[in-house]
Amino acid sequence: MELSADVKGELHTRLRRIEGQIRGLQAMLNEDRDCRDIVTQLAAASKALDQVGFKLLASGLSSCMENPRKSAKAGYSVEEVEKLFLKLS
């Protein structure tokens, strides 16, 4: 599955933000913050991680649809990418 440099850059940026959220969660635990606050931040980090997966697969699916033969040879048929989408949902 081919991803453009722009998409890769965007995904890296999102993952760095999530990494910061996770570090923040660790700090919240160390500071004995309220459970509700921690769960709220966990939900936000989880949703952000899901969005990375969906962006990755949406871009990959576009690539597969543009050149289905090449993608299928690489092991990424449209059906395979659809299965990957379902794993995230």
C-alpha atoms as a PDB file:
ATOM      1  CA  MET A   1       0.000   0.000   0.000  1.00  0.00           C
ATOM      2  CA  GLU A   2       1.511   3.293  -1.051  1.00  0.00           C
ATOM      3  CA  LEU A   3       1.133   6.420   1.051  1.00  0.00           C
ATOM      4  CA  SER A   4       2.090   9.902  -0.036  1.00  0.00           C
ATOM      5  CA  ALA A   5       4.721  11.818   1.887  1.00  0.00           C
ATOM      6  CA  ASP A   6       2.012  14.262   3.011  1.00  0.00           C
ATOM      7  CA  VAL A   7      -0.113  11.484   4.484  1.00  0.00           C
ATOM      8  CA  LYS A   8       2.904   9.928   6.206  1.00  0.00           C
ATOM      9  CA  GLY A   9       3.799  13.313   7.663  1.00  0.00           C
ATOM     10  CA  GLU A  10       0.257  13.823   8.922  1.00  0.00           C
ATOM     11  CA  LEU A  11       0.205  10.359  10.496  1.00  0.00           C
ATOM     12  CA  HIS A  12       3.552  10.970  12.213  1.00  0.00           C
ATOM     13  CA  THR A  13       2.236  14.263  13.587  1.00  0.00           C
ATOM     14  CA  ARG A  14      -0.904  12.608  14.925  1.00  0.00           C
ATOM     15  CA  LEU A  15       1.094   9.788  16.499  1.00  0.00           C
ATOM     16  CA  ARG A  16       3.417  12.265  18.227  1.00  0.00           C
ATOM     17  CA  ARG A  17       0.373  14.017  19.689  1.00  0.00           C
ATOM     18  CA  ILE A  18      -0.978  10.686  20.903  1.00  0.00           C
ATOM     19  CA  GLU A  19       2.413   9.910  22.410  1.00  0.00           C
ATOM     20  CA  GLY A  20       2.113  13.165  24.358  1.00  0.00           C
ATOM     21  CA  GLN A  21      -1.382  12.219  25.474  1.00  0.00           C
ATOM     22  CA  ILE A  22      -0.101   8.881  26.768  1.00  0.00           C
ATOM     23  CA  ARG A  23       2.694  10.592  28.694  1.00  0.00           C
ATOM     24  CA  GLY A  24       0.051  12.923  30.125  1.00  0.00           C
ATOM     25  CA  LEU A  25      -2.013   9.940  31.202  1.00  0.00           C
ATOM     26  CA  GLN A  26       0.984   8.447  32.967  1.00  0.00           C
ATOM     27  CA  ALA A  27       1.504  11.738  34.778  1.00  0.00           C
ATOM     28  CA  MET A  28      -2.169  11.838  35.746  1.00  0.00           C
ATOM     29  CA  LEU A  29      -1.857   8.401  37.312  1.00  0.00           C
ATOM     30  CA  ASN A  30       1.289   9.420  39.194  1.00  0.00           C
ATOM     31  CA  GLU A  31      -0.506  12.534  40.467  1.00  0.00           C
ATOM     32  CA  ASP A  32      -3.503  10.477  41.645  1.00  0.00           C
ATOM     33  CA  ARG A  33      -5.848  12.483  39.452  1.00  0.00           C
ATOM     34  CA  ASP A  34      -9.558  11.786  39.498  1.00  0.00           C
ATOM     35  CA  CYS A  35     -10.640   8.611  37.693  1.00  0.00           C
ATOM     36  CA  ARG A  36     -13.164  10.527  35.560  1.00  0.00           C
ATOM     37  CA  ASP A  37     -10.443  12.823  34.246  1.00  0.00           C
ATOM     38  CA  ILE A  38      -8.193   9.878  33.404  1.00  0.00           C
ATOM     39  CA  VAL A  39     -10.969   7.990  31.634  1.00  0.00           C
ATOM     40  CA  THR A  40     -11.839  11.096  29.624  1.00  0.00           C
ATOM     41  CA  GLN A  41      -8.241  11.390  28.462  1.00  0.00           C
ATOM     42  CA  LEU A  42      -8.046   7.650  27.744  1.00  0.00           C
ATOM     43  CA  ALA A  43     -11.112   7.936  25.528  1.00  0.00           C
ATOM     44  CA  ALA A  44      -9.581  10.902  23.681  1.00  0.00           C
ATOM     45  CA  ALA A  45      -6.306   9.039  23.091  1.00  0.00           C
ATOM     46  CA  SER A  46      -8.154   5.944  21.937  1.00  0.00           C
ATOM     47  CA  LYS A  47     -10.264   7.938  19.481  1.00  0.00           C
ATOM     48  CA  ALA A  48      -7.150   9.712  18.180  1.00  0.00           C
ATOM     49  CA  LEU A  49      -5.437   6.368  17.598  1.00  0.00           C
ATOM     50  CA  ASP A  50      -8.503   5.082  15.747  1.00  0.00           C
ATOM     51  CA  GLN A  51      -8.382   8.166  13.538  1.00  0.00           C
ATOM     52  CA  VAL A  52      -4.771   7.394  12.614  1.00  0.00           C
ATOM     53  CA  GLY A  53      -5.818   3.907  11.545  1.00  0.00           C
ATOM     54  CA  PHE A  54      -8.758   5.157   9.525  1.00  0.00           C
ATOM     55  CA  LYS A  55      -6.651   7.828   7.800  1.00  0.00           C
ATOM     56  CA  LEU A  56      -4.002   5.230   6.981  1.00  0.00           C
ATOM     57  CA  LEU A  57      -6.531   2.840   5.494  1.00  0.00           C
ATOM     58  CA  ALA A  58      -8.528   5.526   3.673  1.00  0.00           C
ATOM     59  CA  SER A  59      -5.360   6.686   1.949  1.00  0.00           C
ATOM     60  CA  GLY A  60      -4.386   3.108   1.207  1.00  0.00           C
ATOM     61  CA  LEU A  61      -7.809   2.325  -0.199  1.00  0.00           C
ATOM     62  CA  SER A  62      -7.533   5.310  -2.530  1.00  0.00           C
ATOM     63  CA  SER A  63      -4.181   3.983  -3.703  1.00  0.00           C
ATOM     64  CA  CYS A  64      -5.676   0.514  -4.233  1.00  0.00           C
ATOM     65  CA  MET A  65      -8.562   1.897  -6.259  1.00  0.00           C
ATOM     66  CA  GLU A  66      -6.236   3.952  -8.446  1.00  0.00           C
ATOM     67  CA  ASN A  67      -4.098   0.955  -9.314  1.00  0.00           C
ATOM     68  CA  PRO A  68      -5.897  -2.248  -8.292  1.00  0.00           C
ATOM     69  CA  ARG A  69      -3.576  -4.664 -10.102  1.00  0.00           C
ATOM     70  CA  LYS A  70      -0.425  -3.239  -8.548  1.00  0.00           C
ATOM     71  CA  SER A  71      -2.041  -3.186  -5.112  1.00  0.00           C
ATOM     72  CA  ALA A  72      -3.298  -6.751  -5.436  1.00  0.00           C
ATOM     73  CA  LYS A  73       0.198  -7.933  -6.409  1.00  0.00           C
ATOM     74  CA  ALA A  74       1.487  -6.264  -3.218  1.00  0.00           C
ATOM     75  CA  GLY A  75      -1.145  -8.148  -1.194  1.00  0.00           C
ATOM     76  CA  TYR A  76      -3.582  -5.260  -0.816  1.00  0.00           C
ATOM     77  CA  SER A  77      -6.657  -6.055  -2.818  1.00  0.00           C
ATOM     78  CA  VAL A  78      -9.702  -3.876  -2.175  1.00  0.00           C
ATOM     79  CA  GLU A  79     -11.187  -6.779  -0.223  1.00  0.00           C
ATOM     80  CA  GLU A  80      -8.087  -7.009   1.999  1.00  0.00           C
ATOM     81  CA  VAL A  81      -8.204  -3.282   2.772  1.00  0.00           C
ATOM     82  CA  GLU A  82     -11.908  -3.601   3.589  1.00  0.00           C
ATOM     83  CA  LYS A  83     -11.033  -6.370   6.079  1.00  0.00           C
ATOM     84  CA  LEU A  84      -8.479  -4.071   7.664  1.00  0.00           C
ATOM     85  CA  PHE A  85     -11.125  -1.364   8.012  1.00  0.00           C
ATOM     86  CA  LEU A  86     -13.388  -3.827   9.773  1.00  0.00           C
ATOM     87  CA  LYS A  87     -10.631  -4.688  12.242  1.00  0.00           C
ATOM     88  CA  LEU A  88     -10.612  -1.056  13.358  1.00  0.00           C
ATOM     89  CA  SER A  89     -14.353  -0.786  13.743  1.00  0.00           C
END
